[in-house]
Amino acid sequence: MANLTASVAKHAILTAATVDKVTLSTHLGGVEVVNRDQGTSELYVRVDGTDPTVGGDDCYVVPAASARTIVLPDRGKCEARVICSAAVAYSVAAWDPSS
């Protein structure tokens, strides 16, 4: 697992079938996850402190070339964990669900 940190947004390339844990120090109540892959690879995301699995239950899905905003369950922690079956570029950014 790669442990990545940033203030407001993190941009990275995911290693195939390996979880990235992205922690942001700015907490606005949600995260936006962008799948920058232009092919067909889906990202699977969890924000509850549990590692996601490819195609796994209780994971949010972010299709290729799209984004998803997710309200965080814990107002004191800004963390997203992502996985994909392929190596893809992605971004995670702090997001304010009240805006």
C-alpha atoms as a PDB file:
ATOM      1  CA  MET A   1       0.000   0.000   0.000  1.00  0.00           C
ATOM      2  CA  ALA A   2       1.236   3.450  -0.874  1.00  0.00           C
ATOM      3  CA  ASN A   3       0.582   6.106   1.783  1.00  0.00           C
ATOM      4  CA  LEU A   4       0.228   9.495   0.092  1.00  0.00           C
ATOM      5  CA  THR A   5      -0.382  12.870   1.710  1.00  0.00           C
ATOM      6  CA  ALA A   6      -1.158  16.372   0.521  1.00  0.00           C
ATOM      7  CA  SER A   7      -2.853  19.505   1.772  1.00  0.00           C
ATOM      8  CA  VAL A   8      -5.797  19.930  -0.622  1.00  0.00           C
ATOM      9  CA  ALA A   9      -5.271  17.613  -3.617  1.00  0.00           C
ATOM     10  CA  LYS A  10      -3.124  14.630  -4.584  1.00  0.00           C
ATOM     11  CA  HIS A  11      -2.408  13.522  -8.157  1.00  0.00           C
ATOM     12  CA  ALA A  12      -0.813  10.112  -8.647  1.00  0.00           C
ATOM     13  CA  ILE A  13      -0.528   7.005 -10.785  1.00  0.00           C
ATOM     14  CA  LEU A  14      -1.943   3.913  -9.160  1.00  0.00           C
ATOM     15  CA  THR A  15       0.027   0.663  -9.369  1.00  0.00           C
ATOM     16  CA  ALA A  16      -2.205  -2.121 -10.701  1.00  0.00           C
ATOM     17  CA  ALA A  17      -4.042  -4.095  -8.007  1.00  0.00           C
ATOM     18  CA  THR A  18      -2.393  -2.109  -5.189  1.00  0.00           C
ATOM     19  CA  VAL A  19      -4.256   0.124  -2.726  1.00  0.00           C
ATOM     20  CA  ASP A  20      -3.247   3.774  -2.394  1.00  0.00           C
ATOM     21  CA  LYS A  21      -4.225   5.529   0.837  1.00  0.00           C
ATOM     22  CA  VAL A  22      -4.554   9.264   0.231  1.00  0.00           C
ATOM     23  CA  THR A  23      -4.741  11.512   3.297  1.00  0.00           C
ATOM     24  CA  LEU A  24      -5.458  15.227   2.921  1.00  0.00           C
ATOM     25  CA  SER A  25      -4.780  17.666   5.756  1.00  0.00           C
ATOM     26  CA  THR A  26      -7.568  19.994   4.598  1.00  0.00           C
ATOM     27  CA  HIS A  27     -10.930  18.586   5.643  1.00  0.00           C
ATOM     28  CA  LEU A  28     -14.016  20.044   3.993  1.00  0.00           C
ATOM     29  CA  GLY A  29     -16.380  17.114   4.622  1.00  0.00           C
ATOM     30  CA  GLY A  30     -15.916  15.259   1.343  1.00  0.00           C
ATOM     31  CA  VAL A  31     -13.557  14.192  -1.411  1.00  0.00           C
ATOM     32  CA  GLU A  32     -13.683  14.276  -5.181  1.00  0.00           C
ATOM     33  CA  VAL A  33     -12.019  11.315  -6.867  1.00  0.00           C
ATOM     34  CA  VAL A  34     -11.111  11.717 -10.551  1.00  0.00           C
ATOM     35  CA  ASN A  35     -10.250   8.733 -12.735  1.00  0.00           C
ATOM     36  CA  ARG A  36      -7.985  10.240 -15.399  1.00  0.00           C
ATOM     37  CA  ASP A  37      -7.748   6.981 -17.373  1.00  0.00           C
ATOM     38  CA  GLN A  38      -9.098   7.448 -20.901  1.00  0.00           C
ATOM     39  CA  GLY A  39      -9.691   3.722 -21.433  1.00  0.00           C
ATOM     40  CA  THR A  40     -12.069   1.422 -19.576  1.00  0.00           C
ATOM     41  CA  SER A  41     -10.421   0.964 -16.156  1.00  0.00           C
ATOM     42  CA  GLU A  42     -12.646   1.584 -13.141  1.00  0.00           C
ATOM     43  CA  LEU A  43     -11.382   2.867  -9.797  1.00  0.00           C
ATOM     44  CA  TYR A  44     -12.849   1.428  -6.610  1.00  0.00           C
ATOM     45  CA  VAL A  45     -12.870   3.724  -3.579  1.00  0.00           C
ATOM     46  CA  ARG A  46     -13.595   3.487   0.143  1.00  0.00           C
ATOM     47  CA  VAL A  47     -13.612   6.355   2.631  1.00  0.00           C
ATOM     48  CA  ASP A  48     -14.327   4.396   5.831  1.00  0.00           C
ATOM     49  CA  GLY A  49     -10.732   3.376   6.630  1.00  0.00           C
ATOM     50  CA  THR A  50     -11.118  -0.037   4.964  1.00  0.00           C
ATOM     51  CA  ASP A  51      -9.113  -1.167   1.942  1.00  0.00           C
ATOM     52  CA  PRO A  52     -11.195  -1.468  -1.235  1.00  0.00           C
ATOM     53  CA  THR A  53     -11.061  -4.437  -3.583  1.00  0.00           C
ATOM     54  CA  VAL A  54     -11.491  -4.479  -7.352  1.00  0.00           C
ATOM     55  CA  GLY A  55     -15.201  -5.052  -7.953  1.00  0.00           C
ATOM     56  CA  GLY A  56     -15.758  -5.287  -4.205  1.00  0.00           C
ATOM     57  CA  ASP A  57     -18.927  -4.684  -2.246  1.00  0.00           C
ATOM     58  CA  ASP A  58     -19.257  -1.423  -0.317  1.00  0.00           C
ATOM     59  CA  CYS A  59     -16.877   0.348  -2.715  1.00  0.00           C
ATOM     60  CA  TYR A  60     -17.693   3.458  -4.707  1.00  0.00           C
ATOM     61  CA  VAL A  61     -16.984   3.030  -8.425  1.00  0.00           C
ATOM     62  CA  VAL A  62     -15.400   5.768 -10.530  1.00  0.00           C
ATOM     63  CA  PRO A  63     -15.592   4.838 -14.238  1.00  0.00           C
ATOM     64  CA  ALA A  64     -12.793   5.804 -16.625  1.00  0.00           C
ATOM     65  CA  ALA A  65     -12.643   9.494 -17.598  1.00  0.00           C
ATOM     66  CA  SER A  66     -15.064  10.555 -14.873  1.00  0.00           C
ATOM     67  CA  ALA A  67     -15.234  11.850 -11.311  1.00  0.00           C
ATOM     68  CA  ARG A  68     -17.233  11.102  -8.194  1.00  0.00           C
ATOM     69  CA  THR A  69     -17.787  13.207  -5.100  1.00  0.00           C
ATOM     70  CA  ILE A  70     -18.160  11.395  -1.795  1.00  0.00           C
ATOM     71  CA  VAL A  71     -19.252  12.760   1.581  1.00  0.00           C
ATOM     72  CA  LEU A  72     -16.895  11.532   4.289  1.00  0.00           C
ATOM     73  CA  PRO A  73     -18.403   9.593   7.192  1.00  0.00           C
ATOM     74  CA  ASP A  74     -15.856  10.919   9.718  1.00  0.00           C
ATOM     75  CA  ARG A  75     -15.739  14.722   9.920  1.00  0.00           C
ATOM     76  CA  GLY A  76     -12.287  14.574  11.541  1.00  0.00           C
ATOM     77  CA  LYS A  77     -10.492  12.558   8.881  1.00  0.00           C
ATOM     78  CA  CYS A  78      -9.958  13.205   5.164  1.00  0.00           C
ATOM     79  CA  GLU A  79      -8.851   9.906   3.669  1.00  0.00           C
ATOM     80  CA  ALA A  80      -9.674   7.936   0.541  1.00  0.00           C
ATOM     81  CA  ARG A  81      -8.365   4.511  -0.409  1.00  0.00           C
ATOM     82  CA  VAL A  82      -8.337   3.584  -4.101  1.00  0.00           C
ATOM     83  CA  ILE A  83      -7.572   0.485  -6.156  1.00  0.00           C
ATOM     84  CA  CYS A  84      -7.815  -0.537  -9.817  1.00  0.00           C
ATOM     85  CA  SER A  85      -6.966  -3.654 -11.793  1.00  0.00           C
ATOM     86  CA  ALA A  86      -4.721  -1.527 -14.048  1.00  0.00           C
ATOM     87  CA  ALA A  87      -2.173   1.253 -13.567  1.00  0.00           C
ATOM     88  CA  VAL A  88      -4.161   4.491 -13.941  1.00  0.00           C
ATOM     89  CA  ALA A  89      -3.705   8.185 -13.228  1.00  0.00           C
ATOM     90  CA  TYR A  90      -6.100   9.616 -10.658  1.00  0.00           C
ATOM     91  CA  SER A  91      -6.663  12.611  -8.392  1.00  0.00           C
ATOM     92  CA  VAL A  92      -8.187  13.001  -4.940  1.00  0.00           C
ATOM     93  CA  ALA A  93      -9.179  16.489  -3.756  1.00  0.00           C
ATOM     94  CA  ALA A  94     -10.894  17.921  -0.705  1.00  0.00           C
ATOM     95  CA  TRP A  95     -14.500  18.823  -1.536  1.00  0.00           C
ATOM     96  CA  ASP A  96     -17.104  20.818   0.362  1.00  0.00           C
ATOM     97  CA  PRO A  97     -20.502  19.078   0.191  1.00  0.00           C
ATOM     98  CA  SER A  98     -22.253  22.262   1.304  1.00  0.00           C
ATOM     99  CA  SER A  99     -21.124  24.218  -1.785  1.00  0.00           C
END
